Amino acid sequence: MIELGRIKLAGPLVLAPIAGFTDSPFRKICVSHGCGLTMTELISAEGIVRKNKKTMDLLKFTEEERPFAIQIFGRKPETVAAAAEVVEALSPDLIDINMGCPARKVVGSGNGASLLRDPQLVNRIAEAVVKKTKLPVSAKIRIGWDEASLNYLDVVKALEDAGVSMIIVHGRTRAQQYSGRADWNIIKEIREKSSVPVIGNGDIDSYESAYRMMEFSGCPAVMIGRGAIGNPWIFSGRTPESREIIETVKLHLDLMLDEYGNRGIHMMRKHIVRYIHGTKNAAKARSSIVKAVSREEIITILDELEESE
């Protein structure tokens, strides 16, 4: 167990929030492979306060997913704080505030990375949440809105003054989205100057690169996003054989069906194509999987894929 102030991690490699991917079934899979902390996708504070059913469904988790964080977003301090109060009653291990999402629909309403342009608002939001809950609070940020406004030290200071327990830094600007390279030098600078623990994030596509970032930046832990999709082995550094990949896909599929019913078939397709990417006959299997409408069909496709290896 890694203790970062009030926050405890089961290991130094943690799962990033990814909309449409980091649901309960995927979080369970990642924990089984050594993930040190799981996190929901970003969840609207407005939706939580209004008790919107779809929003509330995103808050569900099981004990198997701990240590576990719920990530919320919003731009009204009182609303985000009220959402944190609702979230606290569910007993996660951590509440994270999203201040880095670059998606147009999120920043277009003044949320996510849009907040980076107003450190004073960042402070008010974080302070409101810290005062409302007894749980540790973290914030996930980017290094700035664009290259002309790299105000990350102001944002970090605003968060520290608000009393957050940890800061997660994605080393890109909002303008970069996910293009170019994450700036590990800035992550290192933030880690060196911050008074709270810092988790680095960006361009971690392997177990080895995760440890390179930790060694380079001095961060006690790193967050892995897209690199974990279809590859939960990234948390352990193991290279699975084809048989293990297929068995993991089957397990993940059954977890999806348990969670969502037959809708899980459709939702699982995007995961499967990532799992089997690079395997022999993957293209042929992929074209069949996107048309499959039952568990039996998918199992047959997977078995045929395994036999062709």
C-alpha atoms as a PDB file:
ATOM      1  CA  MET A   1       0.000   0.000   0.000  1.00  0.00           C
ATOM      2  CA  ILE A   2       1.356   3.421  -1.011  1.00  0.00           C
ATOM      3  CA  GLU A   3       0.325   6.268   1.276  1.00  0.00           C
ATOM      4  CA  LEU A   4       0.227   9.729  -0.293  1.00  0.00           C
ATOM      5  CA  GLY A   5      -0.839  11.837   2.633  1.00  0.00           C
ATOM      6  CA  ARG A   6      -4.459  10.879   3.284  1.00  0.00           C
ATOM      7  CA  ILE A   7      -4.685   8.847   0.082  1.00  0.00           C
ATOM      8  CA  LYS A   8      -3.803   5.160  -0.062  1.00  0.00           C
ATOM      9  CA  LEU A   9      -2.968   3.409  -3.332  1.00  0.00           C
ATOM     10  CA  ALA A  10      -2.651  -0.344  -3.811  1.00  0.00           C
ATOM     11  CA  GLY A  11       0.198   0.303  -6.264  1.00  0.00           C
ATOM     12  CA  PRO A  12       1.894   3.137  -8.175  1.00  0.00           C
ATOM     13  CA  LEU A  13       0.130   2.582 -11.514  1.00  0.00           C
ATOM     14  CA  VAL A  14      -3.434   3.903 -11.485  1.00  0.00           C
ATOM     15  CA  LEU A  15      -6.302   4.029 -13.956  1.00  0.00           C
ATOM     16  CA  ALA A  16      -7.294   7.311 -15.587  1.00  0.00           C
ATOM     17  CA  PRO A  17     -10.935   8.307 -16.053  1.00  0.00           C
ATOM     18  CA  ILE A  18     -11.975   7.637 -19.653  1.00  0.00           C
ATOM     19  CA  ALA A  19     -15.523   8.416 -20.776  1.00  0.00           C
ATOM     20  CA  GLY A  20     -17.232   5.334 -22.115  1.00  0.00           C
ATOM     21  CA  PHE A  21     -14.530   2.944 -20.913  1.00  0.00           C
ATOM     22  CA  THR A  22     -13.771   3.094 -17.192  1.00  0.00           C
ATOM     23  CA  ASP A  23     -16.991   1.538 -15.962  1.00  0.00           C
ATOM     24  CA  SER A  24     -17.294  -1.034 -13.181  1.00  0.00           C
ATOM     25  CA  PRO A  25     -16.492  -4.139 -15.315  1.00  0.00           C
ATOM     26  CA  PHE A  26     -13.322  -2.583 -16.735  1.00  0.00           C
ATOM     27  CA  ARG A  27     -12.250  -1.304 -13.327  1.00  0.00           C
ATOM     28  CA  LYS A  28     -12.561  -4.834 -11.907  1.00  0.00           C
ATOM     29  CA  ILE A  29     -10.425  -6.212 -14.724  1.00  0.00           C
ATOM     30  CA  CYS A  30      -7.738  -3.573 -14.105  1.00  0.00           C
ATOM     31  CA  VAL A  31      -7.632  -4.202 -10.352  1.00  0.00           C
ATOM     32  CA  SER A  32      -7.177  -7.923 -10.992  1.00  0.00           C
ATOM     33  CA  HIS A  33      -4.040  -7.032 -12.959  1.00  0.00           C
ATOM     34  CA  GLY A  34      -2.517  -4.805 -10.293  1.00  0.00           C
ATOM     35  CA  CYS A  35      -4.072  -1.364 -10.839  1.00  0.00           C
ATOM     36  CA  GLY A  36      -3.412   0.760  -7.746  1.00  0.00           C
ATOM     37  CA  LEU A  37      -6.482   3.026  -7.937  1.00  0.00           C
ATOM     38  CA  THR A  38      -9.572   3.020 -10.135  1.00  0.00           C
ATOM     39  CA  MET A  39     -11.694   6.004 -11.045  1.00  0.00           C
ATOM     40  CA  THR A  40     -15.047   6.639 -12.667  1.00  0.00           C
ATOM     41  CA  GLU A  41     -15.326   8.548 -15.881  1.00  0.00           C
ATOM     42  CA  LEU A  42     -16.084  12.219 -15.283  1.00  0.00           C
ATOM     43  CA  ILE A  43     -19.570  12.657 -13.822  1.00  0.00           C
ATOM     44  CA  SER A  44     -21.639  15.835 -13.935  1.00  0.00           C
ATOM     45  CA  ALA A  45     -22.110  17.561 -10.577  1.00  0.00           C
ATOM     46  CA  GLU A  46     -25.362  19.025 -11.919  1.00  0.00           C
ATOM     47  CA  GLY A  47     -26.605  15.531 -12.764  1.00  0.00           C
ATOM     48  CA  ILE A  48     -25.692  14.257  -9.308  1.00  0.00           C
ATOM     49  CA  VAL A  49     -27.462  17.085  -7.511  1.00  0.00           C
ATOM     50  CA  ARG A  50     -30.554  16.569  -9.659  1.00  0.00           C
ATOM     51  CA  LYS A  51     -30.383  12.798  -9.034  1.00  0.00           C
ATOM     52  CA  ASN A  52     -30.510  12.116 -12.791  1.00  0.00           C
ATOM     53  CA  LYS A  53     -30.838   8.337 -13.188  1.00  0.00           C
ATOM     54  CA  LYS A  54     -28.168   7.921 -15.878  1.00  0.00           C
ATOM     55  CA  THR A  55     -25.799  10.060 -13.833  1.00  0.00           C
ATOM     56  CA  MET A  56     -26.470   8.155 -10.620  1.00  0.00           C
ATOM     57  CA  ASP A  57     -25.853   4.855 -12.416  1.00  0.00           C
ATOM     58  CA  LEU A  58     -22.316   6.041 -13.195  1.00  0.00           C
ATOM     59  CA  LEU A  59     -21.623   6.323  -9.458  1.00  0.00           C
ATOM     60  CA  LYS A  60     -22.130   2.608  -8.762  1.00  0.00           C
ATOM     61  CA  PHE A  61     -19.120   0.550  -7.751  1.00  0.00           C
ATOM     62  CA  THR A  62     -18.207  -2.622  -5.858  1.00  0.00           C
ATOM     63  CA  GLU A  63     -15.698  -3.376  -3.111  1.00  0.00           C
ATOM     64  CA  GLU A  64     -13.544  -5.211  -5.681  1.00  0.00           C
ATOM     65  CA  GLU A  65     -12.717  -1.864  -7.317  1.00  0.00           C
ATOM     66  CA  ARG A  66     -11.023  -0.281  -4.300  1.00  0.00           C
ATOM     67  CA  PRO A  67      -9.064   1.880  -3.814  1.00  0.00           C
ATOM     68  CA  PHE A  68     -11.713   3.775  -5.749  1.00  0.00           C
ATOM     69  CA  ALA A  69     -12.300   7.409  -6.710  1.00  0.00           C
ATOM     70  CA  ILE A  70     -15.346   9.192  -8.064  1.00  0.00           C
ATOM     71  CA  GLN A  71     -14.539  12.028 -10.449  1.00  0.00           C
ATOM     72  CA  ILE A  72     -16.966  14.938 -10.689  1.00  0.00           C
ATOM     73  CA  PHE A  73     -17.008  18.063 -12.830  1.00  0.00           C
ATOM     74  CA  GLY A  74     -18.756  21.421 -12.746  1.00  0.00           C
ATOM     75  CA  ARG A  75     -18.063  25.149 -12.615  1.00  0.00           C
ATOM     76  CA  LYS A  76     -20.384  26.338  -9.823  1.00  0.00           C
ATOM     77  CA  PRO A  77     -18.632  25.889  -6.465  1.00  0.00           C
ATOM     78  CA  GLU A  78     -21.859  25.374  -4.543  1.00  0.00           C
ATOM     79  CA  THR A  79     -23.109  22.749  -7.011  1.00  0.00           C
ATOM     80  CA  VAL A  80     -19.839  20.800  -7.098  1.00  0.00           C
ATOM     81  CA  ALA A  81     -19.744  20.889  -3.292  1.00  0.00           C
ATOM     82  CA  ALA A  82     -23.324  19.629  -3.068  1.00  0.00           C
ATOM     83  CA  ALA A  83     -22.441  16.815  -5.472  1.00  0.00           C
ATOM     84  CA  ALA A  84     -19.442  15.929  -3.301  1.00  0.00           C
ATOM     85  CA  GLU A  85     -21.769  15.590  -0.318  1.00  0.00           C
ATOM     86  CA  VAL A  86     -23.906  13.095  -2.242  1.00  0.00           C
ATOM     87  CA  VAL A  87     -20.793  11.227  -3.379  1.00  0.00           C
ATOM     88  CA  GLU A  88     -19.375  11.061   0.155  1.00  0.00           C
ATOM     89  CA  ALA A  89     -22.433   9.100   1.293  1.00  0.00           C
ATOM     90  CA  LEU A  90     -21.425   6.338  -1.149  1.00  0.00           C
ATOM     91  CA  SER A  91     -18.059   5.939   0.644  1.00  0.00           C
ATOM     92  CA  PRO A  92     -15.502   6.048  -2.150  1.00  0.00           C
ATOM     93  CA  ASP A  93     -11.870   6.415  -1.083  1.00  0.00           C
ATOM     94  CA  LEU A  94     -11.351   9.711  -2.906  1.00  0.00           C
ATOM     95  CA  ILE A  95     -13.223  12.483  -4.696  1.00  0.00           C
ATOM     96  CA  ASP A  96     -11.472  13.880  -7.769  1.00  0.00           C
ATOM     97  CA  ILE A  97     -12.447  17.130  -9.468  1.00  0.00           C
ATOM     98  CA  ASN A  98     -11.978  17.165 -13.235  1.00  0.00           C
ATOM     99  CA  MET A  99     -10.304  20.375 -14.345  1.00  0.00           C
ATOM    100  CA  GLY A 100      -8.585  19.017 -17.430  1.00  0.00           C
ATOM    101  CA  CYS A 101     -11.060  17.372 -19.796  1.00  0.00           C
ATOM    102  CA  PRO A 102     -10.489  18.873 -23.287  1.00  0.00           C
ATOM    103  CA  ALA A 103     -13.730  17.619 -24.895  1.00  0.00           C
ATOM    104  CA  ARG A 104     -15.601  20.356 -26.727  1.00  0.00           C
ATOM    105  CA  LYS A 105     -18.953  19.628 -25.097  1.00  0.00           C
ATOM    106  CA  VAL A 106     -17.330  19.823 -21.651  1.00  0.00           C
ATOM    107  CA  VAL A 107     -15.259  22.992 -22.113  1.00  0.00           C
ATOM    108  CA  GLY A 108     -18.028  24.568 -24.175  1.00  0.00           C
ATOM    109  CA  SER A 109     -20.145  24.831 -21.027  1.00  0.00           C
ATOM    110  CA  GLY A 110     -17.241  26.200 -19.013  1.00  0.00           C
ATOM    111  CA  ASN A 111     -16.241  22.934 -17.384  1.00  0.00           C
ATOM    112  CA  GLY A 112     -13.155  20.710 -17.460  1.00  0.00           C
ATOM    113  CA  ALA A 113     -10.037  22.352 -18.918  1.00  0.00           C
ATOM    114  CA  SER A 114     -11.942  25.622 -19.350  1.00  0.00           C
ATOM    115  CA  LEU A 115     -11.433  26.192 -15.611  1.00  0.00           C
ATOM    116  CA  LEU A 116      -7.676  26.446 -16.113  1.00  0.00           C
ATOM    117  CA  ARG A 117      -8.176  29.973 -17.469  1.00  0.00           C
ATOM    118  CA  ASP A 118      -9.485  31.117 -14.078  1.00  0.00           C
ATOM    119  CA  PRO A 119      -7.279  30.014 -11.137  1.00  0.00           C
ATOM    120  CA  GLN A 120      -9.487  31.942  -8.705  1.00  0.00           C
ATOM    121  CA  LEU A 121     -12.500  29.878  -9.756  1.00  0.00           C
ATOM    122  CA  VAL A 122     -10.356  26.730  -9.503  1.00  0.00           C
ATOM    123  CA  ASN A 123      -9.611  27.720  -5.910  1.00  0.00           C
ATOM    124  CA  ARG A 124     -13.249  28.413  -5.038  1.00  0.00           C
ATOM    125  CA  ILE A 125     -14.473  25.120  -6.475  1.00  0.00           C
ATOM    126  CA  ALA A 126     -11.794  23.017  -4.790  1.00  0.00           C
ATOM    127  CA  GLU A 127     -12.159  24.838  -1.469  1.00  0.00           C
ATOM    128  CA  ALA A 128     -15.936  24.355  -1.499  1.00  0.00           C
ATOM    129  CA  VAL A 129     -15.512  20.615  -2.026  1.00  0.00           C
ATOM    130  CA  VAL A 130     -12.757  20.242   0.597  1.00  0.00           C
ATOM    131  CA  LYS A 131     -14.926  22.033   3.176  1.00  0.00           C
ATOM    132  CA  LYS A 132     -17.994  19.942   2.367  1.00  0.00           C
ATOM    133  CA  THR A 133     -16.469  16.453   2.662  1.00  0.00           C
ATOM    134  CA  LYS A 134     -14.273  14.532   5.079  1.00  0.00           C
ATOM    135  CA  LEU A 135     -12.904  12.457   2.198  1.00  0.00           C
ATOM    136  CA  PRO A 136      -9.557  13.340   0.610  1.00  0.00           C
ATOM    137  CA  VAL A 137      -9.984  15.497  -2.496  1.00  0.00           C
ATOM    138  CA  SER A 138      -7.771  15.564  -5.588  1.00  0.00           C
ATOM    139  CA  ALA A 139      -7.922  17.513  -8.836  1.00  0.00           C
ATOM    140  CA  LYS A 140      -6.929  16.444 -12.341  1.00  0.00           C
ATOM    141  CA  ILE A 141      -5.519  19.260 -14.457  1.00  0.00           C
ATOM    142  CA  ARG A 142      -3.653  19.975 -17.683  1.00  0.00           C
ATOM    143  CA  ILE A 143      -0.676  22.315 -17.933  1.00  0.00           C
ATOM    144  CA  GLY A 144      -2.710  25.147 -19.458  1.00  0.00           C
ATOM    145  CA  TRP A 145      -5.349  26.113 -21.991  1.00  0.00           C
ATOM    146  CA  ASP A 146      -2.769  26.517 -24.783  1.00  0.00           C
ATOM    147  CA  GLU A 147       0.924  27.240 -25.250  1.00  0.00           C
ATOM    148  CA  ALA A 148       0.312  30.952 -24.731  1.00  0.00           C
ATOM    149  CA  SER A 149      -1.241  30.394 -21.299  1.00  0.00           C
ATOM    150  CA  LEU A 150       0.878  27.880 -19.387  1.00  0.00           C
ATOM    151  CA  ASN A 151      -0.351  29.017 -15.981  1.00  0.00           C
ATOM    152  CA  TYR A 152       0.035  25.641 -14.300  1.00  0.00           C
ATOM    153  CA  LEU A 153       1.907  27.016 -11.281  1.00  0.00           C
ATOM    154  CA  ASP A 154      -0.944  29.451 -10.587  1.00  0.00           C
ATOM    155  CA  VAL A 155      -3.464  26.624 -10.883  1.00  0.00           C
ATOM    156  CA  VAL A 156      -1.410  24.346  -8.623  1.00  0.00           C
ATOM    157  CA  LYS A 157      -1.094  27.122  -6.024  1.00  0.00           C
ATOM    158  CA  ALA A 158      -4.856  27.704  -6.179  1.00  0.00           C
ATOM    159  CA  LEU A 159      -5.465  24.001  -5.511  1.00  0.00           C
ATOM    160  CA  GLU A 160      -2.911  23.818  -2.700  1.00  0.00           C
ATOM    161  CA  ASP A 161      -4.446  26.864  -1.013  1.00  0.00           C
ATOM    162  CA  ALA A 162      -7.852  25.191  -1.280  1.00  0.00           C
ATOM    163  CA  GLY A 163      -6.593  22.179   0.664  1.00  0.00           C
ATOM    164  CA  VAL A 164      -6.566  19.389  -1.895  1.00  0.00           C
ATOM    165  CA  SER A 165      -4.719  16.217  -0.911  1.00  0.00           C
ATOM    166  CA  MET A 166      -3.265  15.411  -4.340  1.00  0.00           C
ATOM    167  CA  ILE A 167      -2.929  16.799  -7.862  1.00  0.00           C
ATOM    168  CA  ILE A 168      -2.971  14.730 -11.056  1.00  0.00           C
ATOM    169  CA  VAL A 169      -1.218  16.408 -13.985  1.00  0.00           C
ATOM    170  CA  HIS A 170      -1.696  15.539 -17.649  1.00  0.00           C
ATOM    171  CA  GLY A 171       1.315  17.046 -19.406  1.00  0.00           C
ATOM    172  CA  ARG A 172      -0.575  18.556 -22.353  1.00  0.00           C
ATOM    173  CA  THR A 173      -2.528  21.755 -22.912  1.00  0.00           C
ATOM    174  CA  ARG A 174      -6.200  21.719 -23.732  1.00  0.00           C
ATOM    175  CA  ALA A 175      -5.370  22.874 -27.269  1.00  0.00           C
ATOM    176  CA  GLN A 176      -3.223  19.781 -27.805  1.00  0.00           C
ATOM    177  CA  GLN A 177      -6.107  17.441 -26.971  1.00  0.00           C
ATOM    178  CA  TYR A 178      -4.199  14.121 -27.212  1.00  0.00           C
ATOM    179  CA  SER A 179      -1.812  15.115 -29.999  1.00  0.00           C
ATOM    180  CA  GLY A 180       1.881  15.892 -29.791  1.00  0.00           C
ATOM    181  CA  ARG A 181       3.867  14.888 -26.735  1.00  0.00           C
ATOM    182  CA  ALA A 182       3.056  15.264 -23.054  1.00  0.00           C
ATOM    183  CA  ASP A 183       5.592  17.539 -21.365  1.00  0.00           C
ATOM    184  CA  TRP A 184       7.188  15.430 -18.640  1.00  0.00           C
ATOM    185  CA  ASN A 185       9.517  18.320 -17.786  1.00  0.00           C
ATOM    186  CA  ILE A 186       6.555  20.385 -16.613  1.00  0.00           C
ATOM    187  CA  ILE A 187       5.189  17.432 -14.650  1.00  0.00           C
ATOM    188  CA  LYS A 188       8.588  17.165 -12.963  1.00  0.00           C
ATOM    189  CA  GLU A 189       8.606  20.915 -12.237  1.00  0.00           C
ATOM    190  CA  ILE A 190       5.145  20.745 -10.682  1.00  0.00           C
ATOM    191  CA  ARG A 191       6.141  17.737  -8.574  1.00  0.00           C
ATOM    192  CA  GLU A 192       9.250  19.548  -7.324  1.00  0.00           C
ATOM    193  CA  LYS A 193       7.369  22.740  -6.434  1.00  0.00           C
ATOM    194  CA  SER A 194       4.099  21.293  -5.145  1.00  0.00           C
ATOM    195  CA  SER A 195       3.428  20.879  -1.428  1.00  0.00           C
ATOM    196  CA  VAL A 196       1.073  17.936  -2.080  1.00  0.00           C
ATOM    197  CA  PRO A 197       1.696  14.606  -3.873  1.00  0.00           C
ATOM    198  CA  VAL A 198       1.587  14.760  -7.673  1.00  0.00           C
ATOM    199  CA  ILE A 199       0.600  11.945 -10.027  1.00  0.00           C
ATOM    200  CA  GLY A 200       1.924  12.225 -13.584  1.00  0.00           C
ATOM    201  CA  ASN A 201      -0.182  11.432 -16.649  1.00  0.00           C
ATOM    202  CA  GLY A 202       0.425  11.437 -20.404  1.00  0.00           C
ATOM    203  CA  ASP A 203       2.139   9.213 -22.987  1.00  0.00           C
ATOM    204  CA  ILE A 204       2.304   6.145 -20.757  1.00  0.00           C
ATOM    205  CA  ASP A 205       1.768   3.304 -23.190  1.00  0.00           C
ATOM    206  CA  SER A 206       3.687   0.530 -21.418  1.00  0.00           C
ATOM    207  CA  TYR A 207       4.751  -0.692 -17.991  1.00  0.00           C
ATOM    208  CA  GLU A 208       8.276   0.441 -18.811  1.00  0.00           C
ATOM    209  CA  SER A 209       7.243   3.975 -19.780  1.00  0.00           C
ATOM    210  CA  ALA A 210       5.252   4.245 -16.542  1.00  0.00           C
ATOM    211  CA  TYR A 211       8.376   3.618 -14.513  1.00  0.00           C
ATOM    212  CA  ARG A 212      10.402   5.914 -16.767  1.00  0.00           C
ATOM    213  CA  MET A 213       8.017   8.740 -15.953  1.00  0.00           C
ATOM    214  CA  MET A 214       8.222   8.030 -12.234  1.00  0.00           C
ATOM    215  CA  GLU A 215      12.008   7.942 -12.350  1.00  0.00           C
ATOM    216  CA  PHE A 216      12.248  11.097 -14.472  1.00  0.00           C
ATOM    217  CA  SER A 217       9.644  13.179 -12.650  1.00  0.00           C
ATOM    218  CA  GLY A 218       9.941  11.867  -9.131  1.00  0.00           C
ATOM    219  CA  CYS A 219       6.176  11.332  -9.028  1.00  0.00           C
ATOM    220  CA  PRO A 220       5.259   8.568  -6.551  1.00  0.00           C
ATOM    221  CA  ALA A 221       2.614   7.232  -8.944  1.00  0.00           C
ATOM    222  CA  VAL A 222       1.454   7.637 -12.535  1.00  0.00           C
ATOM    223  CA  MET A 223      -1.915   7.499 -14.219  1.00  0.00           C
ATOM    224  CA  ILE A 224      -2.521   5.362 -17.296  1.00  0.00           C
ATOM    225  CA  GLY A 225      -5.382   6.093 -19.675  1.00  0.00           C
ATOM    226  CA  ARG A 226      -5.585   4.944 -23.281  1.00  0.00           C
ATOM    227  CA  GLY A 227      -2.641   2.573 -22.783  1.00  0.00           C
ATOM    228  CA  ALA A 228      -4.777   0.396 -20.509  1.00  0.00           C
ATOM    229  CA  ILE A 229      -7.666  -0.107 -22.932  1.00  0.00           C
ATOM    230  CA  GLY A 230      -7.428  -3.651 -24.244  1.00  0.00           C
ATOM    231  CA  ASN A 231      -4.242  -4.085 -22.222  1.00  0.00           C
ATOM    232  CA  PRO A 232      -4.852  -4.380 -18.462  1.00  0.00           C
ATOM    233  CA  TRP A 233      -1.511  -6.224 -18.318  1.00  0.00           C
ATOM    234  CA  ILE A 234       0.110  -2.784 -18.474  1.00  0.00           C
ATOM    235  CA  PHE A 235      -0.400  -2.601 -14.706  1.00  0.00           C
ATOM    236  CA  SER A 236       1.681  -5.726 -14.077  1.00  0.00           C
ATOM    237  CA  GLY A 237       4.194  -5.570 -16.910  1.00  0.00           C
ATOM    238  CA  ARG A 238       3.279  -9.064 -18.074  1.00  0.00           C
ATOM    239  CA  THR A 239       3.038 -10.030 -21.737  1.00  0.00           C
ATOM    240  CA  PRO A 240       0.019 -12.319 -22.097  1.00  0.00           C
ATOM    241  CA  GLU A 241      -0.217 -15.259 -24.453  1.00  0.00           C
ATOM    242  CA  SER A 242      -3.091 -15.393 -26.929  1.00  0.00           C
ATOM    243  CA  ARG A 243      -5.015 -17.832 -24.770  1.00  0.00           C
ATOM    244  CA  GLU A 244      -4.907 -15.485 -21.777  1.00  0.00           C
ATOM    245  CA  ILE A 245      -6.042 -12.548 -23.907  1.00  0.00           C
ATOM    246  CA  ILE A 246      -9.059 -14.522 -25.145  1.00  0.00           C
ATOM    247  CA  GLU A 247      -9.932 -15.721 -21.632  1.00  0.00           C
ATOM    248  CA  THR A 248      -9.745 -12.153 -20.323  1.00  0.00           C
ATOM    249  CA  VAL A 249     -12.028 -10.945 -23.121  1.00  0.00           C
ATOM    250  CA  LYS A 250     -14.549 -13.636 -22.188  1.00  0.00           C
ATOM    251  CA  LEU A 251     -14.410 -12.655 -18.521  1.00  0.00           C
ATOM    252  CA  HIS A 252     -14.815  -8.982 -19.405  1.00  0.00           C
ATOM    253  CA  LEU A 253     -17.746  -9.832 -21.683  1.00  0.00           C
ATOM    254  CA  ASP A 254     -19.527 -11.720 -18.902  1.00  0.00           C
ATOM    255  CA  LEU A 255     -18.972  -8.835 -16.490  1.00  0.00           C
ATOM    256  CA  MET A 256     -20.504  -6.486 -19.060  1.00  0.00           C
ATOM    257  CA  LEU A 257     -23.515  -8.756 -19.506  1.00  0.00           C
ATOM    258  CA  ASP A 258     -23.985  -8.959 -15.734  1.00  0.00           C
ATOM    259  CA  GLU A 259     -23.812  -5.176 -15.497  1.00  0.00           C
ATOM    260  CA  TYR A 260     -25.846  -4.126 -18.540  1.00  0.00           C
ATOM    261  CA  GLY A 261     -27.764  -7.140 -19.783  1.00  0.00           C
ATOM    262  CA  ASN A 262     -27.793  -7.671 -23.552  1.00  0.00           C
ATOM    263  CA  ARG A 263     -26.793  -4.015 -24.057  1.00  0.00           C
ATOM    264  CA  GLY A 264     -23.380  -5.129 -22.819  1.00  0.00           C
ATOM    265  CA  ILE A 265     -22.792  -6.898 -26.157  1.00  0.00           C
ATOM    266  CA  HIS A 266     -22.796  -3.623 -28.045  1.00  0.00           C
ATOM    267  CA  MET A 267     -20.800  -1.830 -25.340  1.00  0.00           C
ATOM    268  CA  MET A 268     -18.145  -4.544 -25.276  1.00  0.00           C
ATOM    269  CA  ARG A 269     -17.267  -4.333 -28.980  1.00  0.00           C
ATOM    270  CA  LYS A 270     -14.963  -1.329 -28.571  1.00  0.00           C
ATOM    271  CA  HIS A 271     -13.057  -3.194 -25.862  1.00  0.00           C
ATOM    272  CA  ILE A 272     -12.703  -6.401 -27.871  1.00  0.00           C
ATOM    273  CA  VAL A 273     -11.178  -4.724 -30.913  1.00  0.00           C
ATOM    274  CA  ARG A 274      -8.516  -3.235 -28.611  1.00  0.00           C
ATOM    275  CA  TYR A 275      -7.821  -6.562 -26.904  1.00  0.00           C
ATOM    276  CA  ILE A 276      -7.284  -8.444 -30.151  1.00  0.00           C
ATOM    277  CA  HIS A 277      -5.415  -5.693 -32.000  1.00  0.00           C
ATOM    278  CA  GLY A 278      -2.194  -7.114 -33.381  1.00  0.00           C
ATOM    279  CA  THR A 279      -3.221 -10.755 -33.145  1.00  0.00           C
ATOM    280  CA  LYS A 280      -3.344 -12.978 -36.211  1.00  0.00           C
ATOM    281  CA  ASN A 281      -6.614 -12.639 -38.176  1.00  0.00           C
ATOM    282  CA  ALA A 282      -7.688  -9.723 -35.967  1.00  0.00           C
ATOM    283  CA  ALA A 283      -9.116  -7.775 -38.927  1.00  0.00           C
ATOM    284  CA  LYS A 284     -11.389 -10.635 -39.938  1.00  0.00           C
ATOM    285  CA  ALA A 285     -12.508 -11.206 -36.357  1.00  0.00           C
ATOM    286  CA  ARG A 286     -13.166  -7.496 -35.889  1.00  0.00           C
ATOM    287  CA  SER A 287     -15.539  -7.356 -38.861  1.00  0.00           C
ATOM    288  CA  SER A 288     -17.497 -10.272 -37.376  1.00  0.00           C
ATOM    289  CA  ILE A 289     -17.546  -8.912 -33.828  1.00  0.00           C
ATOM    290  CA  VAL A 290     -19.114  -5.591 -34.825  1.00  0.00           C
ATOM    291  CA  LYS A 291     -22.057  -7.556 -36.246  1.00  0.00           C
ATOM    292  CA  ALA A 292     -22.421 -10.032 -33.370  1.00  0.00           C
ATOM    293  CA  VAL A 293     -25.602  -9.723 -31.319  1.00  0.00           C
ATOM    294  CA  SER A 294     -25.227 -12.546 -28.791  1.00  0.00           C
ATOM    295  CA  ARG A 295     -22.718 -13.919 -26.313  1.00  0.00           C
ATOM    296  CA  GLU A 296     -22.605 -17.200 -28.213  1.00  0.00           C
ATOM    297  CA  GLU A 297     -21.619 -15.473 -31.456  1.00  0.00           C
ATOM    298  CA  ILE A 298     -18.800 -13.585 -29.780  1.00  0.00           C
ATOM    299  CA  ILE A 299     -17.508 -16.665 -27.959  1.00  0.00           C
ATOM    300  CA  THR A 300     -17.429 -18.571 -31.257  1.00  0.00           C
ATOM    301  CA  ILE A 301     -15.496 -15.773 -32.965  1.00  0.00           C
ATOM    302  CA  LEU A 302     -13.023 -15.643 -30.077  1.00  0.00           C
ATOM    303  CA  ASP A 303     -12.542 -19.423 -30.068  1.00  0.00           C
ATOM    304  CA  GLU A 304     -11.868 -19.398 -33.811  1.00  0.00           C
ATOM    305  CA  LEU A 305      -9.402 -16.567 -33.339  1.00  0.00           C
ATOM    306  CA  GLU A 306      -7.560 -18.510 -30.647  1.00  0.00           C
ATOM    307  CA  GLU A 307      -7.410 -21.631 -32.807  1.00  0.00           C
ATOM    308  CA  SER A 308      -5.898 -19.646 -35.678  1.00  0.00           C
ATOM    309  CA  GLU A 309      -2.957 -18.500 -33.554  1.00  0.00           C
END
